[in-house]
C-alpha atoms as a PDB file:
ATOM      1  CA  MET A   1     132.610  70.213  83.490  1.00  0.00           C
ATOM      2  CA  THR A   2     129.149  69.071  84.504  1.00  0.00           C
ATOM      3  CA  GLU A   3     126.129  71.191  83.701  1.00  0.00           C
ATOM      4  CA  ARG A   4     124.291  72.653  86.683  1.00  0.00           C
ATOM      5  CA  LEU A   5     120.795  71.452  87.427  1.00  0.00           C
ATOM      6  CA  GLN A   6     118.083  73.847  86.277  1.00  0.00           C
ATOM      7  CA  LEU A   7     114.649  73.499  87.844  1.00  0.00           C
ATOM      8  CA  ASP A   8     111.699  75.173  86.156  1.00  0.00           C
ATOM      9  CA  ARG A   9     108.374  75.913  87.810  1.00  0.00           C
ATOM     10  CA  ALA A  10     106.746  72.748  86.441  1.00  0.00           C
ATOM     11  CA  LYS A  11     109.502  70.525  87.885  1.00  0.00           C
ATOM     12  CA  ILE A  12     109.406  72.277  91.249  1.00  0.00           C
ATOM     13  CA  GLU A  13     105.622  71.960  91.425  1.00  0.00           C
ATOM     14  CA  GLU A  14     105.878  68.283  90.509  1.00  0.00           C
ATOM     15  CA  ALA A  15     108.313  67.829  93.411  1.00  0.00           C
ATOM     16  CA  PHE A  16     105.950  69.740  95.720  1.00  0.00           C
ATOM     17  CA  ARG A  17     103.056  67.484  94.639  1.00  0.00           C
ATOM     18  CA  ILE A  18     105.090  64.385  95.480  1.00  0.00           C
ATOM     19  CA  MET A  19     106.040  65.890  98.833  1.00  0.00           C
ATOM     20  CA  GLY A  20     102.426  66.831  99.527  1.00  0.00           C
ATOM     21  CA  GLN A  21     101.166  63.348  98.718  1.00  0.00           C
ATOM     22  CA  TYR A  22     103.904  61.769 100.841  1.00  0.00           C
ATOM     23  CA  LEU A  23     102.865  63.929 103.803  1.00  0.00           C
ATOM     24  CA  LEU A  24      99.140  63.437 103.174  1.00  0.00           C
ATOM     25  CA  ASP A  25      99.631  59.652 103.128  1.00  0.00           C
ATOM     26  CA  ARG A  26     101.187  60.012 106.586  1.00  0.00           C
ATOM     27  CA  LYS A  27      98.392  62.299 107.826  1.00  0.00           C
ATOM     28  CA  THR A  28     100.831  65.161 108.298  1.00  0.00           C
ATOM     29  CA  LEU A  29     100.672  68.800 107.264  1.00  0.00           C
ATOM     30  CA  GLY A  30     104.041  70.273 106.379  1.00  0.00           C
ATOM     31  CA  GLU A  31     104.827  73.907 105.710  1.00  0.00           C
ATOM     32  CA  ILE A  32     107.810  75.402 103.922  1.00  0.00           C
ATOM     33  CA  ALA A  33     108.776  78.928 102.896  1.00  0.00           C
ATOM     34  CA  ILE A  34     110.766  79.420  99.701  1.00  0.00           C
ATOM     35  CA  TYR A  35     113.256  82.157  98.873  1.00  0.00           C
ATOM     36  CA  GLY A  36     115.773  83.082  96.178  1.00  0.00           C
ATOM     37  CA  GLY A  37     115.378  81.975  92.587  1.00  0.00           C
ATOM     38  CA  SER A  38     112.453  79.651  93.210  1.00  0.00           C
ATOM     39  CA  ALA A  39     110.480  82.357  95.060  1.00  0.00           C
ATOM     40  CA  ILE A  40     111.253  84.730  92.200  1.00  0.00           C
ATOM     41  CA  LEU A  41     110.069  82.318  89.511  1.00  0.00           C
ATOM     42  CA  PHE A  42     106.774  81.748  91.339  1.00  0.00           C
ATOM     43  CA  GLN A  43     106.127  85.520  91.370  1.00  0.00           C
ATOM     44  CA  PHE A  44     107.673  86.910  88.173  1.00  0.00           C
ATOM     45  CA  ASP A  45     107.591  85.748  84.553  1.00  0.00           C
ATOM     46  CA  TRP A  46     111.193  86.818  83.859  1.00  0.00           C
ATOM     47  CA  ARG A  47     112.760  84.065  85.999  1.00  0.00           C
ATOM     48  CA  LYS A  48     112.402  80.729  84.228  1.00  0.00           C
ATOM     49  CA  THR A  49     114.680  78.426  86.256  1.00  0.00           C
ATOM     50  CA  SER A  50     116.478  78.035  89.544  1.00  0.00           C
ATOM     51  CA  ILE A  51     119.429  75.798  90.390  1.00  0.00           C
ATOM     52  CA  ASP A  52     117.702  74.650  93.580  1.00  0.00           C
ATOM     53  CA  VAL A  53     114.878  75.546  95.928  1.00  0.00           C
ATOM     54  CA  ASP A  54     116.090  77.692  98.816  1.00  0.00           C
ATOM     55  CA  ALA A  55     113.650  76.858 101.589  1.00  0.00           C
ATOM     56  CA  ARG A  56     113.038  76.817 105.281  1.00  0.00           C
ATOM     57  CA  VAL A  57     110.722  74.398 107.055  1.00  0.00           C
ATOM     58  CA  THR A  58     108.238  76.610 108.907  1.00  0.00           C
ATOM     59  CA  SER A  59     106.380  73.786 110.668  1.00  0.00           C
ATOM     60  CA  GLU A  60     109.313  72.835 112.892  1.00  0.00           C
ATOM     61  CA  ARG A  61     107.625  69.946 114.697  1.00  0.00           C
ATOM     62  CA  ASN A  62     107.387  68.114 111.368  1.00  0.00           C
ATOM     63  CA  HIS A  63     110.892  68.887 110.119  1.00  0.00           C
ATOM     64  CA  GLY A  64     112.089  65.280 109.883  1.00  0.00           C
ATOM     65  CA  ILE A  65     109.124  63.960 107.915  1.00  0.00           C
ATOM     66  CA  ILE A  66     109.223  66.985 105.584  1.00  0.00           C
ATOM     67  CA  ILE A  67     112.858  66.212 104.798  1.00  0.00           C
ATOM     68  CA  ASP A  68     111.826  62.592 104.171  1.00  0.00           C
ATOM     69  CA  ALA A  69     109.278  63.963 101.670  1.00  0.00           C
ATOM     70  CA  VAL A  70     112.043  66.049 100.024  1.00  0.00           C
ATOM     71  CA  HIS A  71     114.129  62.880  99.604  1.00  0.00           C
ATOM     72  CA  GLU A  72     111.137  60.980  98.199  1.00  0.00           C
ATOM     73  CA  ALA A  73     110.609  63.684  95.572  1.00  0.00           C
ATOM     74  CA  ALA A  74     114.333  63.564  94.732  1.00  0.00           C
ATOM     75  CA  LYS A  75     114.141  59.793  94.291  1.00  0.00           C
ATOM     76  CA  GLN A  76     111.018  59.844  92.110  1.00  0.00           C
ATOM     77  CA  LEU A  77     112.213  62.709  89.901  1.00  0.00           C
ATOM     78  CA  ASN A  78     115.879  61.712  89.780  1.00  0.00           C
ATOM     79  CA  LEU A  79     116.951  64.962  91.449  1.00  0.00           C
ATOM     80  CA  PRO A  80     119.974  65.390  93.696  1.00  0.00           C
ATOM     81  CA  ARG A  81     119.085  65.045  97.381  1.00  0.00           C
ATOM     82  CA  SER A  82     120.105  68.693  97.760  1.00  0.00           C
ATOM     83  CA  TRP A  83     117.482  70.025  95.302  1.00  0.00           C
ATOM     84  CA  LEU A  84     115.826  71.694  98.311  1.00  0.00           C
ATOM     85  CA  ASN A  85     118.464  73.682 100.165  1.00  0.00           C
ATOM     86  CA  GLU A  86     117.992  74.872 103.752  1.00  0.00           C
ATOM     87  CA  ASN A  87     121.145  77.038 103.846  1.00  0.00           C
ATOM     88  CA  VAL A  88     119.073  80.158 103.116  1.00  0.00           C
ATOM     89  CA  ALA A  89     118.619  80.715 106.856  1.00  0.00           C
ATOM     90  CA  ALA A  90     121.763  82.875 106.831  1.00  0.00           C
ATOM     91  CA  TYR A  91     119.883  85.448 104.728  1.00  0.00           C
ATOM     92  CA  THR A  92     116.428  85.343 106.331  1.00  0.00           C
ATOM     93  CA  ARG A  93     115.467  87.825 109.004  1.00  0.00           C
ATOM     94  CA  ARG A  94     115.147  87.014 112.668  1.00  0.00           C
ATOM     95  CA  GLY A  95     111.540  87.115 113.725  1.00  0.00           C
ATOM     96  CA  GLU A  96     110.199  86.462 110.234  1.00  0.00           C
ATOM     97  CA  THR A  97     106.402  86.223 110.236  1.00  0.00           C
ATOM     98  CA  ASP A  98     103.666  85.042 107.905  1.00  0.00           C
ATOM     99  CA  ALA A  99     103.202  88.702 106.864  1.00  0.00           C
ATOM    100  CA  ASP A 100     106.631  88.524 105.174  1.00  0.00           C
ATOM    101  CA  ARG A 101     105.408  85.823 102.791  1.00  0.00           C
ATOM    102  CA  ILE A 102     102.685  85.147 100.242  1.00  0.00           C
ATOM    103  CA  ALA A 103     100.862  81.871  99.612  1.00  0.00           C
ATOM    104  CA  VAL A 104     102.255  79.872  96.694  1.00  0.00           C
ATOM    105  CA  GLY A 105     100.196  76.724  96.818  1.00  0.00           C
ATOM    106  CA  LEU A 106      98.773  73.661  98.493  1.00  0.00           C
ATOM    107  CA  TYR A 107     100.059  70.279  97.327  1.00  0.00           C
ATOM    108  CA  PRO A 108      99.240  67.763  95.909  1.00  0.00           C
ATOM    109  CA  SER A 109      96.030  69.792  95.347  1.00  0.00           C
ATOM    110  CA  PRO A 110      94.097  72.614  97.019  1.00  0.00           C
ATOM    111  CA  GLU A 111      91.302  70.175  97.890  1.00  0.00           C
ATOM    112  CA  ARG A 112      93.534  67.543  99.528  1.00  0.00           C
ATOM    113  CA  PHE A 113      96.891  68.759 100.690  1.00  0.00           C
ATOM    114  CA  GLY A 114      99.777  67.714 102.868  1.00  0.00           C
ATOM    115  CA  LEU A 115     102.128  70.558 101.978  1.00  0.00           C
ATOM    116  CA  ARG A 116     101.589  74.307 102.239  1.00  0.00           C
ATOM    117  CA  VAL A 117     104.159  76.474 100.446  1.00  0.00           C
ATOM    118  CA  THR A 118     104.719  80.196 100.927  1.00  0.00           C
ATOM    119  CA  ALA A 119     107.286  82.513  99.329  1.00  0.00           C
ATOM    120  CA  ALA A 120     109.073  85.631 100.506  1.00  0.00           C
ATOM    121  CA  LYS A 121     107.297  88.780  99.287  1.00  0.00           C
ATOM    122  CA  PRO A 122     109.110  90.824  96.613  1.00  0.00           C
ATOM    123  CA  GLU A 123     110.382  93.557  98.965  1.00  0.00           C
ATOM    124  CA  TYR A 124     111.635  90.905 101.397  1.00  0.00           C
ATOM    125  CA  LEU A 125     113.397  89.134  98.505  1.00  0.00           C
ATOM    126  CA  LEU A 126     114.967  92.472  97.546  1.00  0.00           C
ATOM    127  CA  ALA A 127     116.242  93.006 101.101  1.00  0.00           C
ATOM    128  CA  MET A 128     117.684  89.470 101.102  1.00  0.00           C
ATOM    129  CA  LYS A 129     119.363  90.066  97.730  1.00  0.00           C
ATOM    130  CA  LEU A 130     120.905  93.279  99.098  1.00  0.00           C
ATOM    131  CA  LYS A 131     122.242  91.301 102.043  1.00  0.00           C
ATOM    132  CA  ALA A 132     123.627  88.690  99.622  1.00  0.00           C
ATOM    133  CA  LEU A 133     125.602  91.366  97.746  1.00  0.00           C
ATOM    134  CA  GLU A 134     128.230  91.026 100.484  1.00  0.00           C
ATOM    135  CA  ARG A 135     129.477  87.981  98.588  1.00  0.00           C
ATOM    136  CA  VAL A 136     130.882  87.989  95.073  1.00  0.00           C
ATOM    137  CA  THR A 137     129.660  85.430  92.538  1.00  0.00           C
ATOM    138  CA  ALA A 138     130.904  84.731  89.030  1.00  0.00           C
ATOM    139  CA  ASP A 139     127.534  85.388  87.390  1.00  0.00           C
ATOM    140  CA  ASP A 140     126.580  88.322  89.695  1.00  0.00           C
ATOM    141  CA  ARG A 141     123.091  86.816  89.870  1.00  0.00           C
ATOM    142  CA  ASP A 142     122.197  88.453  93.198  1.00  0.00           C
ATOM    143  CA  PHE A 143     122.879  91.890  91.679  1.00  0.00           C
ATOM    144  CA  GLN A 144     120.846  91.086  88.557  1.00  0.00           C
ATOM    145  CA  ASP A 145     117.979  89.731  90.660  1.00  0.00           C
ATOM    146  CA  ALA A 146     118.084  92.806  92.933  1.00  0.00           C
ATOM    147  CA  ALA A 147     117.887  95.100  89.885  1.00  0.00           C
ATOM    148  CA  ARG A 148     114.892  93.261  88.461  1.00  0.00           C
ATOM    149  CA  ILE A 149     113.058  92.992  91.783  1.00  0.00           C
ATOM    150  CA  GLY A 150     113.868  96.640  92.548  1.00  0.00           C
ATOM    151  CA  ALA A 151     112.295  97.627  89.221  1.00  0.00           C
ATOM    152  CA  GLU A 152     109.213  95.492  90.015  1.00  0.00           C
ATOM    153  CA  CYS A 153     108.924  97.226  93.414  1.00  0.00           C
ATOM    154  CA  GLY A 154     109.324 100.705  91.892  1.00  0.00           C
ATOM    155  CA  ILE A 155     112.534 101.512  93.759  1.00  0.00           C
ATOM    156  CA  ALA A 156     113.965 104.793  92.426  1.00  0.00           C
ATOM    157  CA  SER A 157     116.678 105.854  94.865  1.00  0.00           C
ATOM    158  CA  VAL A 158     119.422 104.619  97.173  1.00  0.00           C
ATOM    159  CA  ASP A 159     117.380 105.898 100.134  1.00  0.00           C
ATOM    160  CA  GLN A 160     114.382 103.795  99.097  1.00  0.00           C
ATOM    161  CA  MET A 161     116.682 100.794  98.734  1.00  0.00           C
ATOM    162  CA  LEU A 162     118.117 101.347 102.212  1.00  0.00           C
ATOM    163  CA  ASN A 163     114.601 101.765 103.629  1.00  0.00           C
ATOM    164  CA  VAL A 164     113.580  98.373 102.222  1.00  0.00           C
ATOM    165  CA  PHE A 165     116.653  96.776 103.769  1.00  0.00           C
ATOM    166  CA  GLN A 166     116.040  98.462 107.135  1.00  0.00           C
ATOM    167  CA  ARG A 167     112.373  97.415 107.171  1.00  0.00           C
ATOM    168  CA  PHE A 168     113.394  93.760 107.117  1.00  0.00           C
ATOM    169  CA  PHE A 169     116.852  93.836 108.717  1.00  0.00           C
ATOM    170  CA  GLY A 170     116.631  96.893 110.977  1.00  0.00           C
ATOM    171  CA  ASP A 171     118.989  95.428 113.542  1.00  0.00           C
ATOM    172  CA  GLU A 172     121.699  94.749 110.942  1.00  0.00           C
ATOM    173  CA  ALA A 173     123.962  97.003 108.923  1.00  0.00           C
ATOM    174  CA  LEU A 174     124.213  96.513 105.185  1.00  0.00           C
ATOM    175  CA  SER A 175     127.742  95.364 104.376  1.00  0.00           C
ATOM    176  CA  VAL A 176     130.252  97.833 102.957  1.00  0.00           C
ATOM    177  CA  THR A 177     130.541  95.674  99.837  1.00  0.00           C
ATOM    178  CA  ALA A 178     126.788  95.909  99.254  1.00  0.00           C
ATOM    179  CA  ARG A 179     126.654  99.648 100.046  1.00  0.00           C
ATOM    180  CA  LEU A 180     129.330 100.319  97.427  1.00  0.00           C
ATOM    181  CA  ARG A 181     127.070  98.792  94.773  1.00  0.00           C
ATOM    182  CA  LEU A 182     123.843 100.660  95.586  1.00  0.00           C
ATOM    183  CA  SER A 183     124.355 103.518  93.103  1.00  0.00           C
ATOM    184  CA  GLU A 184     125.177 101.009  90.371  1.00  0.00           C
ATOM    185  CA  LEU A 185     122.073  99.049  91.366  1.00  0.00           C
ATOM    186  CA  ILE A 186     119.847 102.128  91.106  1.00  0.00           C
ATOM    187  CA  GLU A 187     121.290 102.813  87.627  1.00  0.00           C
ATOM    188  CA  ALA A 188     120.462  99.225  86.617  1.00  0.00           C
ATOM    189  CA  ILE A 189     116.895  99.617  87.951  1.00  0.00           C
ATOM    190  CA  GLN A 190     116.417 102.915  86.135  1.00  0.00           C
ATOM    191  CA  ALA A 191     117.666 101.336  82.894  1.00  0.00           C
ATOM    192  CA  ARG A 192     115.042  98.606  83.280  1.00  0.00           C
ATOM    193  CA  LEU A 193     112.280 101.152  83.908  1.00  0.00           C
ATOM    194  CA  ALA A 194     113.292 103.355  80.943  1.00  0.00           C
END
């Protein structure tokens, strides 16, 4: 069995610097938003690695050249071409705005940049993790992440949890599978806060 790739913050930032330089060399400004494990590790000390970077290109007119920059970073760092994964769109909200995200960085440097990176805010990440609870995973990582983010956000009840979900996904119903785990999730959050 092959070991899964683990990207730490330093490796991800190195990839972002390569992407930023690639875009800068081509006089292009690219923008991406990150989610999931990589967004968590940029905001919280408890997440040390991610298996990939869940991202969405937010500057659509430059999509192709941004993906070229992703491939250049993969080549230079010997990463799989899929190190940046755009499949996260299934869990993002329709009508997402800049207010849903925080600035992560400008790459290769704040003074000269070709890449702007933002990340989903903690409560938005929590809502996405609740949505992801509809699927079952072997390591139950979405549940564990939701418990930790919920603790960081000060969530203390099922109603508060549902309010966070509704704020971001008001036009969608939380799946039955996810709803069945909310009490367990609140217990996990309370254990972390104790």
